[in-house]
Structures are given as structure tokens and as C-alpha cells.
């Protein structure tokens, strides 16, 4: 088992990834630019968490966790656009949004732990 697979934040992001792909990317007819941007951002969250876990130095780990959190912000923004355009149902948005908030808080905790000095 890889270290990232043990992380609650990774497994939460993986579940969110599945929801986004199952509910938005696969079934909905969405502008290809928005769709590709959403795919890239959503996968970036998951992949940056796993890649950061594999890094050895705290600053390097932190950089990937920051990128994951930034990509998560991008996902939420894109989901808001789809909801505003009535492409995405509010209930699906709300469910994913709650999960995104949880992941964001977890990532922030990980980022902050990489900043704290070890004594």
C-alpha cells in the first residue's frame, strides 16, 4: 500500500473525483472547454495529494498540497458556473461542495503542518 492511500484526505478526494466524473463529466453535455478544465482541475486535486505524499522534504510536500488546494478552488468555481447555468442540479452541487469544503480544510491542516517548525 502506498502512503497516500492511507490518507483520509486522499480517500475523500478520490470519492469526490468519482462523484464529479459520474455526475458531471460523463453524463452532461457541457462545453468542451469547461469540461476539460473541470477534468484537469479535479484530477489535479487527487494527483497532487498523492505526489506530495511521495516527496521527502516538507517544503516540497507543502508545494503539492498547496497546488491540490488551489485546484480544488478551481473545481468549486467551475461547479458554480455549471450550477448558475442550470447544467448541474443544485442538490449535486451541494453534495460535492460539502465534500470539497472538508477536503479544503484537511489540506489546509496538512499545509500548516508543513510550515510548523520541528523542535
PDB file of N, CA and C in Angstrom:
ATOM      1  N   UNK A   1       0.846  -1.174   0.000  1.00  0.00           N
ATOM      2  CA  UNK A   1       0.000   0.000   0.000  1.00  0.00           C
ATOM      3  C   UNK A   1       0.893   1.240   0.000  1.00  0.00           C
ATOM      4  N   UNK A   2       0.549   2.224  -0.836  1.00  0.00           N
ATOM      5  CA  UNK A   2       1.294   3.476  -0.884  1.00  0.00           C
ATOM      6  C   UNK A   2       0.858   4.369   0.271  1.00  0.00           C
ATOM      7  N   UNK A   3       1.756   5.240   0.727  1.00  0.00           N
ATOM      8  CA  UNK A   3       1.449   6.122   1.853  1.00  0.00           C
ATOM      9  C   UNK A   3       0.216   6.985   1.602  1.00  0.00           C
ATOM     10  N   UNK A   4       0.063   7.512   0.376  1.00  0.00           N
ATOM     11  CA  UNK A   4      -1.074   8.391   0.102  1.00  0.00           C
ATOM     12  C   UNK A   4      -2.410   7.669   0.233  1.00  0.00           C
ATOM     13  N   UNK A   5      -2.414   6.355   0.015  1.00  0.00           N
ATOM     14  CA  UNK A   5      -3.658   5.590   0.129  1.00  0.00           C
ATOM     15  C   UNK A   5      -4.152   5.514   1.572  1.00  0.00           C
ATOM     16  N   UNK A   6      -3.265   5.781   2.523  1.00  0.00           N
ATOM     17  CA  UNK A   6      -3.621   5.760   3.938  1.00  0.00           C
ATOM     18  C   UNK A   6      -4.220   7.082   4.407  1.00  0.00           C
ATOM     19  N   UNK A   7      -4.084   8.122   3.584  1.00  0.00           N
ATOM     20  CA  UNK A   7      -4.551   9.452   3.979  1.00  0.00           C
ATOM     21  C   UNK A   7      -6.060   9.595   3.803  1.00  0.00           C
ATOM     22  N   UNK A   8      -6.707  10.080   4.842  1.00  0.00           N
ATOM     23  CA  UNK A   8      -8.148  10.336   4.758  1.00  0.00           C
ATOM     24  C   UNK A   8      -8.452  11.371   3.672  1.00  0.00           C
ATOM     25  N   UNK A   9      -7.598  12.398   3.562  1.00  0.00           N
ATOM     26  CA  UNK A   9      -7.826  13.448   2.568  1.00  0.00           C
ATOM     27  C   UNK A   9      -7.754  12.882   1.149  1.00  0.00           C
ATOM     28  N   UNK A  10      -6.841  11.965   0.900  1.00  0.00           N
ATOM     29  CA  UNK A  10      -6.743  11.354  -0.425  1.00  0.00           C
ATOM     30  C   UNK A  10      -8.011  10.551  -0.729  1.00  0.00           C
ATOM     31  N   UNK A  11      -8.457   9.761   0.226  1.00  0.00           N
ATOM     32  CA  UNK A  11      -9.654   8.943   0.007  1.00  0.00           C
ATOM     33  C   UNK A  11     -10.905   9.794  -0.148  1.00  0.00           C
ATOM     34  N   UNK A  12     -10.960  10.914   0.557  1.00  0.00           N
ATOM     35  CA  UNK A  12     -12.073  11.859   0.413  1.00  0.00           C
ATOM     36  C   UNK A  12     -12.033  12.481  -0.989  1.00  0.00           C
ATOM     37  N   UNK A  13     -10.852  12.890  -1.421  1.00  0.00           N
ATOM     38  CA  UNK A  13     -10.696  13.479  -2.756  1.00  0.00           C
ATOM     39  C   UNK A  13     -11.018  12.450  -3.845  1.00  0.00           C
ATOM     40  N   UNK A  14     -10.672  11.209  -3.584  1.00  0.00           N
ATOM     41  CA  UNK A  14     -10.966  10.140  -4.543  1.00  0.00           C
ATOM     42  C   UNK A  14     -12.479   9.948  -4.682  1.00  0.00           C
ATOM     43  N   UNK A  15     -13.192   9.999  -3.565  1.00  0.00           N
ATOM     44  CA  UNK A  15     -14.659   9.883  -3.604  1.00  0.00           C
ATOM     45  C   UNK A  15     -15.271  11.065  -4.352  1.00  0.00           C
ATOM     46  N   UNK A  16     -14.726  12.267  -4.089  1.00  0.00           N
ATOM     47  CA  UNK A  16     -15.232  13.449  -4.777  1.00  0.00           C
ATOM     48  C   UNK A  16     -14.961  13.345  -6.273  1.00  0.00           C
ATOM     49  N   UNK A  17     -13.793  12.865  -6.631  1.00  0.00           N
ATOM     50  CA  UNK A  17     -13.439  12.672  -8.029  1.00  0.00           C
ATOM     51  C   UNK A  17     -14.461  11.771  -8.718  1.00  0.00           C
ATOM     52  N   UNK A  18     -14.823  10.689  -8.058  1.00  0.00           N
ATOM     53  CA  UNK A  18     -15.804   9.750  -8.611  1.00  0.00           C
ATOM     54  C   UNK A  18     -17.155  10.437  -8.819  1.00  0.00           C
ATOM     55  N   UNK A  19     -17.586  11.232  -7.826  1.00  0.00           N
ATOM     56  CA  UNK A  19     -18.861  11.942  -7.945  1.00  0.00           C
ATOM     57  C   UNK A  19     -18.856  12.924  -9.106  1.00  0.00           C
ATOM     58  N   UNK A  20     -17.772  13.671  -9.234  1.00  0.00           N
ATOM     59  CA  UNK A  20     -17.688  14.655 -10.314  1.00  0.00           C
ATOM     60  C   UNK A  20     -17.730  13.963 -11.673  1.00  0.00           C
ATOM     61  N   UNK A  21     -16.977  12.891 -11.822  1.00  0.00           N
ATOM     62  CA  UNK A  21     -16.966  12.187 -13.103  1.00  0.00           C
ATOM     63  C   UNK A  21     -18.316  11.520 -13.388  1.00  0.00           C
ATOM     64  N   UNK A  22     -18.893  10.872 -12.383  1.00  0.00           N
ATOM     65  CA  UNK A  22     -20.168  10.168 -12.594  1.00  0.00           C
ATOM     66  C   UNK A  22     -21.339  11.123 -12.831  1.00  0.00           C
ATOM     67  N   UNK A  23     -21.347  12.261 -12.136  1.00  0.00           N
ATOM     68  CA  UNK A  23     -22.497  13.155 -12.203  1.00  0.00           C
ATOM     69  C   UNK A  23     -22.364  14.298 -13.202  1.00  0.00           C
ATOM     70  N   UNK A  24     -21.144  14.612 -13.613  1.00  0.00           N
ATOM     71  CA  UNK A  24     -20.966  15.785 -14.469  1.00  0.00           C
ATOM     72  C   UNK A  24     -20.220  15.454 -15.757  1.00  0.00           C
ATOM     73  N   UNK A  25     -19.019  14.965 -15.635  1.00  0.00           N
ATOM     74  CA  UNK A  25     -18.155  14.816 -16.797  1.00  0.00           C
ATOM     75  C   UNK A  25     -18.671  13.765 -17.768  1.00  0.00           C
ATOM     76  N   UNK A  26     -19.131  12.645 -17.273  1.00  0.00           N
ATOM     77  CA  UNK A  26     -19.593  11.581 -18.166  1.00  0.00           C
ATOM     78  C   UNK A  26     -20.995  11.862 -18.735  1.00  0.00           C
ATOM     79  N   UNK A  27     -22.009  12.196 -17.907  1.00  0.00           N
ATOM     80  CA  UNK A  27     -23.362  12.258 -18.462  1.00  0.00           C
ATOM     81  C   UNK A  27     -23.817  13.595 -19.051  1.00  0.00           C
ATOM     82  N   UNK A  28     -23.225  14.711 -18.662  1.00  0.00           N
ATOM     83  CA  UNK A  28     -23.759  16.004 -19.065  1.00  0.00           C
ATOM     84  C   UNK A  28     -23.150  16.513 -20.362  1.00  0.00           C
ATOM     85  N   UNK A  29     -23.963  17.188 -21.102  1.00  0.00           N
ATOM     86  CA  UNK A  29     -23.496  17.857 -22.308  1.00  0.00           C
ATOM     87  C   UNK A  29     -23.007  19.245 -21.899  1.00  0.00           C
ATOM     88  N   UNK A  30     -21.697  19.375 -21.754  1.00  0.00           N
ATOM     89  CA  UNK A  30     -21.102  20.619 -21.281  1.00  0.00           C
ATOM     90  C   UNK A  30     -20.115  21.096 -22.334  1.00  0.00           C
ATOM     91  N   UNK A  31     -19.963  22.416 -22.438  1.00  0.00           N
ATOM     92  CA  UNK A  31     -18.970  22.999 -23.318  1.00  0.00           C
ATOM     93  C   UNK A  31     -17.638  22.290 -23.112  1.00  0.00           C
ATOM     94  N   UNK A  32     -16.968  21.938 -24.190  1.00  0.00           N
ATOM     95  CA  UNK A  32     -15.752  21.142 -24.070  1.00  0.00           C
ATOM     96  C   UNK A  32     -14.651  21.856 -23.296  1.00  0.00           C
ATOM     97  N   UNK A  33     -14.558  23.172 -23.408  1.00  0.00           N
ATOM     98  CA  UNK A  33     -13.537  23.900 -22.655  1.00  0.00           C
ATOM     99  C   UNK A  33     -13.773  23.748 -21.154  1.00  0.00           C
ATOM    100  N   UNK A  34     -15.018  23.972 -20.726  1.00  0.00           N
ATOM    101  CA  UNK A  34     -15.357  23.846 -19.307  1.00  0.00           C
ATOM    102  C   UNK A  34     -15.145  22.412 -18.851  1.00  0.00           C
ATOM    103  N   UNK A  35     -15.568  21.475 -19.653  1.00  0.00           N
ATOM    104  CA  UNK A  35     -15.434  20.059 -19.311  1.00  0.00           C
ATOM    105  C   UNK A  35     -13.964  19.665 -19.141  1.00  0.00           C
ATOM    106  N   UNK A  36     -13.121  20.053 -20.073  1.00  0.00           N
ATOM    107  CA  UNK A  36     -11.696  19.716 -19.988  1.00  0.00           C
ATOM    108  C   UNK A  36     -11.034  20.409 -18.791  1.00  0.00           C
ATOM    109  N   UNK A  37     -11.409  21.652 -18.536  1.00  0.00           N
ATOM    110  CA  UNK A  37     -10.850  22.377 -17.404  1.00  0.00           C
ATOM    111  C   UNK A  37     -11.257  21.709 -16.089  1.00  0.00           C
ATOM    112  N   UNK A  38     -12.512  21.283 -16.002  1.00  0.00           N
ATOM    113  CA  UNK A  38     -13.007  20.600 -14.812  1.00  0.00           C
ATOM    114  C   UNK A  38     -12.283  19.264 -14.621  1.00  0.00           C
ATOM    115  N   UNK A  39     -12.104  18.527 -15.698  1.00  0.00           N
ATOM    116  CA  UNK A  39     -11.387  17.247 -15.602  1.00  0.00           C
ATOM    117  C   UNK A  39      -9.968  17.453 -15.100  1.00  0.00           C
ATOM    118  N   UNK A  40      -9.272  18.421 -15.690  1.00  0.00           N
ATOM    119  CA  UNK A  40      -7.888  18.682 -15.286  1.00  0.00           C
ATOM    120  C   UNK A  40      -7.801  19.113 -13.823  1.00  0.00           C
ATOM    121  N   UNK A  41      -8.667  20.031 -13.432  1.00  0.00           N
ATOM    122  CA  UNK A  41      -8.630  20.530 -12.053  1.00  0.00           C
ATOM    123  C   UNK A  41      -8.986  19.438 -11.054  1.00  0.00           C
ATOM    124  N   UNK A  42     -10.022  18.667 -11.368  1.00  0.00           N
ATOM    125  CA  UNK A  42     -10.456  17.610 -10.444  1.00  0.00           C
ATOM    126  C   UNK A  42      -9.363  16.559 -10.284  1.00  0.00           C
ATOM    127  N   UNK A  43      -8.784  16.129 -11.372  1.00  0.00           N
ATOM    128  CA  UNK A  43      -7.709  15.140 -11.282  1.00  0.00           C
ATOM    129  C   UNK A  43      -6.468  15.715 -10.614  1.00  0.00           C
ATOM    130  N   UNK A  44      -6.232  17.006 -10.788  1.00  0.00           N
ATOM    131  CA  UNK A  44      -5.084  17.668 -10.175  1.00  0.00           C
ATOM    132  C   UNK A  44      -5.154  17.602  -8.652  1.00  0.00           C
ATOM    133  N   UNK A  45      -6.353  17.718  -8.099  1.00  0.00           N
ATOM    134  CA  UNK A  45      -6.514  17.611  -6.642  1.00  0.00           C
ATOM    135  C   UNK A  45      -5.989  16.255  -6.181  1.00  0.00           C
ATOM    136  N   UNK A  46      -6.493  15.224  -6.774  1.00  0.00           N
ATOM    137  CA  UNK A  46      -6.135  13.854  -6.394  1.00  0.00           C
ATOM    138  C   UNK A  46      -4.653  13.569  -6.631  1.00  0.00           C
ATOM    139  N   UNK A  47      -4.165  13.939  -7.791  1.00  0.00           N
ATOM    140  CA  UNK A  47      -2.788  13.615  -8.155  1.00  0.00           C
ATOM    141  C   UNK A  47      -1.762  14.413  -7.349  1.00  0.00           C
ATOM    142  N   UNK A  48      -2.067  15.668  -7.026  1.00  0.00           N
ATOM    143  CA  UNK A  48      -1.129  16.453  -6.223  1.00  0.00           C
ATOM    144  C   UNK A  48      -1.058  15.956  -4.781  1.00  0.00           C
ATOM    145  N   UNK A  49      -2.161  15.456  -4.257  1.00  0.00           N
ATOM    146  CA  UNK A  49      -2.115  14.866  -2.912  1.00  0.00           C
ATOM    147  C   UNK A  49      -1.193  13.652  -2.921  1.00  0.00           C
ATOM    148  N   UNK A  50      -1.390  12.774  -3.902  1.00  0.00           N
ATOM    149  CA  UNK A  50      -0.564  11.555  -3.938  1.00  0.00           C
ATOM    150  C   UNK A  50       0.895  11.889  -4.237  1.00  0.00           C
ATOM    151  N   UNK A  51       1.135  12.829  -5.124  1.00  0.00           N
ATOM    152  CA  UNK A  51       2.525  13.169  -5.440  1.00  0.00           C
ATOM    153  C   UNK A  51       3.207  13.859  -4.257  1.00  0.00           C
ATOM    154  N   UNK A  52       2.486  14.732  -3.573  1.00  0.00           N
ATOM    155  CA  UNK A  52       3.061  15.398  -2.403  1.00  0.00           C
ATOM    156  C   UNK A  52       3.439  14.417  -1.310  1.00  0.00           C
ATOM    157  N   UNK A  53       2.637  13.398  -1.143  1.00  0.00           N
ATOM    158  CA  UNK A  53       2.912  12.389  -0.122  1.00  0.00           C
ATOM    159  C   UNK A  53       4.233  11.670  -0.406  1.00  0.00           C
ATOM    160  N   UNK A  54       4.575  11.538  -1.660  1.00  0.00           N
ATOM    161  CA  UNK A  54       5.802  10.845  -2.034  1.00  0.00           C
ATOM    162  C   UNK A  54       7.059  11.700  -1.934  1.00  0.00           C
ATOM    163  N   UNK A  55       6.890  12.990  -1.720  1.00  0.00           N
ATOM    164  CA  UNK A  55       8.055  13.877  -1.625  1.00  0.00           C
ATOM    165  C   UNK A  55       8.692  13.757  -0.252  1.00  0.00           C
ATOM    166  N   UNK A  56       9.983  14.004  -0.202  1.00  0.00           N
ATOM    167  CA  UNK A  56      10.725  13.776   1.043  1.00  0.00           C
ATOM    168  C   UNK A  56      10.840  15.021   1.916  1.00  0.00           C
ATOM    169  N   UNK A  57      10.946  16.195   1.328  1.00  0.00           N
ATOM    170  CA  UNK A  57      11.136  17.404   2.137  1.00  0.00           C
ATOM    171  C   UNK A  57       9.790  18.073   2.424  1.00  0.00           C
ATOM    172  N   UNK A  58       9.713  18.713   3.572  1.00  0.00           N
ATOM    173  CA  UNK A  58       8.484  19.404   3.968  1.00  0.00           C
ATOM    174  C   UNK A  58       8.100  20.498   2.970  1.00  0.00           C
ATOM    175  N   UNK A  59       9.047  21.342   2.513  1.00  0.00           N
ATOM    176  CA  UNK A  59       8.673  22.368   1.536  1.00  0.00           C
ATOM    177  C   UNK A  59       8.140  21.783   0.228  1.00  0.00           C
ATOM    178  N   UNK A  60       8.720  20.673  -0.188  1.00  0.00           N
ATOM    179  CA  UNK A  60       8.262  20.022  -1.417  1.00  0.00           C
ATOM    180  C   UNK A  60       6.853  19.449  -1.226  1.00  0.00           C
ATOM    181  N   UNK A  61       6.625  18.780  -0.107  1.00  0.00           N
ATOM    182  CA  UNK A  61       5.290  18.254   0.199  1.00  0.00           C
ATOM    183  C   UNK A  61       4.270  19.393   0.213  1.00  0.00           C
ATOM    184  N   UNK A  62       4.630  20.459   0.921  1.00  0.00           N
ATOM    185  CA  UNK A  62       3.734  21.611   1.070  1.00  0.00           C
ATOM    186  C   UNK A  62       3.344  22.175  -0.299  1.00  0.00           C
ATOM    187  N   UNK A  63       4.304  22.280  -1.188  1.00  0.00           N
ATOM    188  CA  UNK A  63       4.039  22.833  -2.530  1.00  0.00           C
ATOM    189  C   UNK A  63       2.951  22.032  -3.248  1.00  0.00           C
ATOM    190  N   UNK A  64       2.990  20.711  -3.155  1.00  0.00           N
ATOM    191  CA  UNK A  64       1.985  19.884  -3.821  1.00  0.00           C
ATOM    192  C   UNK A  64       0.625  19.979  -3.128  1.00  0.00           C
ATOM    193  N   UNK A  65       0.624  20.085  -1.813  1.00  0.00           N
ATOM    194  CA  UNK A  65      -0.643  20.240  -1.092  1.00  0.00           C
ATOM    195  C   UNK A  65      -1.283  21.590  -1.407  1.00  0.00           C
ATOM    196  N   UNK A  66      -0.464  22.626  -1.552  1.00  0.00           N
ATOM    197  CA  UNK A  66      -0.975  23.945  -1.947  1.00  0.00           C
ATOM    198  C   UNK A  66      -1.571  23.866  -3.353  1.00  0.00           C
ATOM    199  N   UNK A  67      -0.895  23.179  -4.263  1.00  0.00           N
ATOM    200  CA  UNK A  67      -1.428  23.021  -5.625  1.00  0.00           C
ATOM    201  C   UNK A  67      -2.746  22.247  -5.608  1.00  0.00           C
ATOM    202  N   UNK A  68      -2.832  21.219  -4.769  1.00  0.00           N
ATOM    203  CA  UNK A  68      -4.080  20.442  -4.670  1.00  0.00           C
ATOM    204  C   UNK A  68      -5.214  21.335  -4.194  1.00  0.00           C
ATOM    205  N   UNK A  69      -4.931  22.170  -3.201  1.00  0.00           N
ATOM    206  CA  UNK A  69      -5.969  23.066  -2.652  1.00  0.00           C
ATOM    207  C   UNK A  69      -6.378  24.119  -3.682  1.00  0.00           C
ATOM    208  N   UNK A  70      -5.407  24.631  -4.428  1.00  0.00           N
ATOM    209  CA  UNK A  70      -5.718  25.607  -5.483  1.00  0.00           C
ATOM    210  C   UNK A  70      -6.592  24.975  -6.559  1.00  0.00           C
ATOM    211  N   UNK A  71      -6.284  23.759  -6.933  1.00  0.00           N
ATOM    212  CA  UNK A  71      -7.097  23.054  -7.931  1.00  0.00           C
ATOM    213  C   UNK A  71      -8.497  22.801  -7.405  1.00  0.00           C
ATOM    214  N   UNK A  72      -8.609  22.529  -6.121  1.00  0.00           N
ATOM    215  CA  UNK A  72      -9.924  22.322  -5.511  1.00  0.00           C
ATOM    216  C   UNK A  72     -10.760  23.602  -5.609  1.00  0.00           C
ATOM    217  N   UNK A  73     -10.125  24.752  -5.376  1.00  0.00           N
ATOM    218  CA  UNK A  73     -10.834  26.031  -5.531  1.00  0.00           C
ATOM    219  C   UNK A  73     -11.335  26.201  -6.964  1.00  0.00           C
ATOM    220  N   UNK A  74     -10.515  25.795  -7.920  1.00  0.00           N
ATOM    221  CA  UNK A  74     -10.903  25.873  -9.318  1.00  0.00           C
ATOM    222  C   UNK A  74     -12.092  24.955  -9.615  1.00  0.00           C
ATOM    223  N   UNK A  75     -12.086  23.773  -9.061  1.00  0.00           N
ATOM    224  CA  UNK A  75     -13.209  22.837  -9.247  1.00  0.00           C
ATOM    225  C   UNK A  75     -14.505  23.460  -8.729  1.00  0.00           C
ATOM    226  N   UNK A  76     -14.455  24.004  -7.526  1.00  0.00           N
ATOM    227  CA  UNK A  76     -15.661  24.602  -6.937  1.00  0.00           C
ATOM    228  C   UNK A  76     -16.172  25.753  -7.799  1.00  0.00           C
ATOM    229  N   UNK A  77     -15.265  26.573  -8.287  1.00  0.00           N
ATOM    230  CA  UNK A  77     -15.655  27.687  -9.147  1.00  0.00           C
ATOM    231  C   UNK A  77     -16.321  27.191 -10.432  1.00  0.00           C
ATOM    232  N   UNK A  78     -15.760  26.165 -11.036  1.00  0.00           N
ATOM    233  CA  UNK A  78     -16.356  25.598 -12.248  1.00  0.00           C
ATOM    234  C   UNK A  78     -17.725  24.974 -11.962  1.00  0.00           C
ATOM    235  N   UNK A  79     -17.856  24.321 -10.813  1.00  0.00           N
ATOM    236  CA  UNK A  79     -19.156  23.754 -10.439  1.00  0.00           C
ATOM    237  C   UNK A  79     -20.188  24.855 -10.236  1.00  0.00           C
ATOM    238  N   UNK A  80     -19.759  25.993  -9.709  1.00  0.00           N
ATOM    239  CA  UNK A  80     -20.668  27.136  -9.542  1.00  0.00           C
ATOM    240  C   UNK A  80     -21.146  27.645 -10.901  1.00  0.00           C
ATOM    241  N   UNK A  81     -20.242  27.702 -11.861  1.00  0.00           N
ATOM    242  CA  UNK A  81     -20.619  28.121 -13.214  1.00  0.00           C
ATOM    243  C   UNK A  81     -21.670  27.169 -13.777  1.00  0.00           C
ATOM    244  N   UNK A  82     -21.433  25.876 -13.648  1.00  0.00           N
ATOM    245  CA  UNK A  82     -22.381  24.889 -14.167  1.00  0.00           C
ATOM    246  C   UNK A  82     -23.731  24.954 -13.457  1.00  0.00           C
ATOM    247  N   UNK A  83     -23.696  25.254 -12.159  1.00  0.00           N
ATOM    248  CA  UNK A  83     -24.943  25.387 -11.398  1.00  0.00           C
ATOM    249  C   UNK A  83     -25.682  26.655 -11.809  1.00  0.00           C
ATOM    250  N   UNK A  84     -24.943  27.752 -11.956  1.00  0.00           N
ATOM    251  CA  UNK A  84     -25.562  29.016 -12.395  1.00  0.00           C
ATOM    252  C   UNK A  84     -26.225  28.876 -13.751  1.00  0.00           C
ATOM    253  N   UNK A  85     -25.646  28.076 -14.624  1.00  0.00           N
ATOM    254  CA  UNK A  85     -26.185  27.869 -15.971  1.00  0.00           C
ATOM    255  C   UNK A  85     -27.262  26.783 -16.007  1.00  0.00           C
ATOM    256  N   UNK A  86     -27.595  26.252 -14.832  1.00  0.00           N
ATOM    257  CA  UNK A  86     -28.636  25.209 -14.704  1.00  0.00           C
ATOM    258  C   UNK A  86     -28.255  23.910 -15.424  1.00  0.00           C
ATOM    259  N   UNK A  87     -26.957  23.697 -15.596  1.00  0.00           N
ATOM    260  CA  UNK A  87     -26.472  22.451 -16.189  1.00  0.00           C
ATOM    261  C   UNK A  87     -26.325  21.403 -15.094  1.00  0.00           C
ATOM    262  N   UNK A  88     -25.930  21.854 -13.928  1.00  0.00           N
ATOM    263  CA  UNK A  88     -25.735  20.980 -12.775  1.00  0.00           C
ATOM    264  C   UNK A  88     -26.852  21.222 -11.768  1.00  0.00           C
ATOM    265  N   UNK A  89     -27.449  20.154 -11.280  1.00  0.00           N
ATOM    266  CA  UNK A  89     -28.528  20.282 -10.290  1.00  0.00           C
ATOM    267  C   UNK A  89     -27.962  20.793  -8.974  1.00  0.00           C
ATOM    268  N   UNK A  90     -28.723  21.636  -8.325  1.00  0.00           N
ATOM    269  CA  UNK A  90     -28.296  22.239  -7.058  1.00  0.00           C
ATOM    270  C   UNK A  90     -27.978  21.172  -6.013  1.00  0.00           C
ATOM    271  N   UNK A  91     -28.749  20.104  -5.971  1.00  0.00           N
ATOM    272  CA  UNK A  91     -28.527  19.041  -4.977  1.00  0.00           C
ATOM    273  C   UNK A  91     -27.168  18.367  -5.184  1.00  0.00           C
ATOM    274  N   UNK A  92     -26.799  18.134  -6.438  1.00  0.00           N
ATOM    275  CA  UNK A  92     -25.496  17.523  -6.730  1.00  0.00           C
ATOM    276  C   UNK A  92     -24.387  18.499  -6.350  1.00  0.00           C
ATOM    277  N   UNK A  93     -24.585  19.765  -6.714  1.00  0.00           N
ATOM    278  CA  UNK A  93     -23.601  20.793  -6.349  1.00  0.00           C
ATOM    279  C   UNK A  93     -23.417  20.843  -4.832  1.00  0.00           C
ATOM    280  N   UNK A  94     -24.509  20.882  -4.106  1.00  0.00           N
ATOM    281  CA  UNK A  94     -24.442  20.971  -2.643  1.00  0.00           C
ATOM    282  C   UNK A  94     -23.684  19.801  -2.040  1.00  0.00           C
ATOM    283  N   UNK A  95     -23.940  18.610  -2.546  1.00  0.00           N
ATOM    284  CA  UNK A  95     -23.274  17.407  -2.034  1.00  0.00           C
ATOM    285  C   UNK A  95     -21.759  17.472  -2.281  1.00  0.00           C
ATOM    286  N   UNK A  96     -21.379  17.849  -3.488  1.00  0.00           N
ATOM    287  CA  UNK A  96     -19.957  17.935  -3.823  1.00  0.00           C
ATOM    288  C   UNK A  96     -19.306  19.096  -3.073  1.00  0.00           C
ATOM    289  N   UNK A  97     -20.021  20.201  -2.926  1.00  0.00           N
ATOM    290  CA  UNK A  97     -19.493  21.374  -2.230  1.00  0.00           C
ATOM    291  C   UNK A  97     -19.123  21.045  -0.779  1.00  0.00           C
ATOM    292  N   UNK A  98     -19.984  20.320  -0.099  1.00  0.00           N
ATOM    293  CA  UNK A  98     -19.715  19.927   1.296  1.00  0.00           C
ATOM    294  C   UNK A  98     -18.438  19.087   1.360  1.00  0.00           C
ATOM    295  N   UNK A  99     -18.297  18.180   0.434  1.00  0.00           N
ATOM    296  CA  UNK A  99     -17.101  17.334   0.395  1.00  0.00           C
ATOM    297  C   UNK A  99     -15.862  18.176   0.063  1.00  0.00           C
ATOM    298  N   UNK A 100     -16.004  19.125  -0.847  1.00  0.00           N
ATOM    299  CA  UNK A 100     -14.879  19.996  -1.214  1.00  0.00           C
ATOM    300  C   UNK A 100     -14.431  20.835  -0.014  1.00  0.00           C
ATOM    301  N   UNK A 101     -15.392  21.333   0.762  1.00  0.00           N
ATOM    302  CA  UNK A 101     -15.040  22.102   1.964  1.00  0.00           C
ATOM    303  C   UNK A 101     -14.239  21.250   2.945  1.00  0.00           C
ATOM    304  N   UNK A 102     -14.665  20.020   3.125  1.00  0.00           N
ATOM    305  CA  UNK A 102     -13.968  19.110   4.032  1.00  0.00           C
ATOM    306  C   UNK A 102     -12.540  18.858   3.548  1.00  0.00           C
ATOM    307  N   UNK A 103     -12.380  18.606   2.263  1.00  0.00           N
ATOM    308  CA  UNK A 103     -11.060  18.361   1.687  1.00  0.00           C
ATOM    309  C   UNK A 103     -10.190  19.602   1.829  1.00  0.00           C
ATOM    310  N   UNK A 104     -10.758  20.765   1.575  1.00  0.00           N
ATOM    311  CA  UNK A 104     -10.013  22.021   1.690  1.00  0.00           C
ATOM    312  C   UNK A 104      -9.474  22.222   3.100  1.00  0.00           C
ATOM    313  N   UNK A 105     -10.298  21.956   4.087  1.00  0.00           N
ATOM    314  CA  UNK A 105      -9.867  22.096   5.484  1.00  0.00           C
ATOM    315  C   UNK A 105      -8.771  21.091   5.824  1.00  0.00           C
ATOM    316  N   UNK A 106      -8.910  19.871   5.323  1.00  0.00           N
ATOM    317  CA  UNK A 106      -7.892  18.851   5.572  1.00  0.00           C
ATOM    318  C   UNK A 106      -6.568  19.252   4.936  1.00  0.00           C
ATOM    319  N   UNK A 107      -6.632  19.735   3.702  1.00  0.00           N
ATOM    320  CA  UNK A 107      -5.413  20.168   3.017  1.00  0.00           C
ATOM    321  C   UNK A 107      -4.775  21.360   3.726  1.00  0.00           C
ATOM    322  N   UNK A 108      -5.598  22.285   4.200  1.00  0.00           N
ATOM    323  CA  UNK A 108      -5.061  23.434   4.920  1.00  0.00           C
ATOM    324  C   UNK A 108      -4.314  22.984   6.172  1.00  0.00           C
ATOM    325  N   UNK A 109      -4.861  22.013   6.873  1.00  0.00           N
ATOM    326  CA  UNK A 109      -4.179  21.462   8.045  1.00  0.00           C
ATOM    327  C   UNK A 109      -2.847  20.831   7.663  1.00  0.00           C
ATOM    328  N   UNK A 110      -2.827  20.118   6.545  1.00  0.00           N
ATOM    329  CA  UNK A 110      -1.585  19.500   6.084  1.00  0.00           C
ATOM    330  C   UNK A 110      -0.565  20.567   5.690  1.00  0.00           C
ATOM    331  N   UNK A 111      -1.039  21.615   5.028  1.00  0.00           N
ATOM    332  CA  UNK A 111      -0.151  22.710   4.613  1.00  0.00           C
ATOM    333  C   UNK A 111       0.440  23.395   5.841  1.00  0.00           C
ATOM    334  N   UNK A 112      -0.403  23.677   6.803  1.00  0.00           N
ATOM    335  CA  UNK A 112       0.067  24.330   8.022  1.00  0.00           C
ATOM    336  C   UNK A 112       1.051  23.453   8.781  1.00  0.00           C
ATOM    337  N   UNK A 113       0.835  22.146   8.754  1.00  0.00           N
ATOM    338  CA  UNK A 113       1.765  21.253   9.467  1.00  0.00           C
ATOM    339  C   UNK A 113       3.130  21.214   8.794  1.00  0.00           C
ATOM    340  N   UNK A 114       3.184  21.521   7.504  1.00  0.00           N
ATOM    341  CA  UNK A 114       4.453  21.559   6.780  1.00  0.00           C
ATOM    342  C   UNK A 114       5.212  22.856   7.058  1.00  0.00           C
ATOM    343  N   UNK A 115       4.503  23.853   7.564  1.00  0.00           N
ATOM    344  CA  UNK A 115       5.097  25.159   7.847  1.00  0.00           C
ATOM    345  C   UNK A 115       5.649  25.215   9.254  1.00  0.00           C
ATOM    346  N   UNK A 116       5.041  24.457  10.170  1.00  0.00           N
ATOM    347  CA  UNK A 116       5.444  24.473  11.563  1.00  0.00           C
ATOM    348  C   UNK A 116       6.841  23.918  11.732  1.00  0.00           C
ATOM    349  N   UNK A 117       7.617  24.597  12.549  1.00  0.00           N
ATOM    350  CA  UNK A 117       8.990  24.133  12.800  1.00  0.00           C
ATOM    351  C   UNK A 117       8.975  22.894  13.674  1.00  0.00           C
ATOM    352  N   UNK A 118       9.849  21.972  13.365  1.00  0.00           N
ATOM    353  CA  UNK A 118      10.008  20.760  14.178  1.00  0.00           C
ATOM    354  C   UNK A 118      11.046  21.065  15.238  1.00  0.00           C
ATOM    355  N   UNK A 119      10.703  20.812  16.480  1.00  0.00           N
ATOM    356  CA  UNK A 119      11.634  21.094  17.578  1.00  0.00           C
ATOM    357  C   UNK A 119      12.165  19.811  18.155  1.00  0.00           C
TER     358      UNK A 119
END
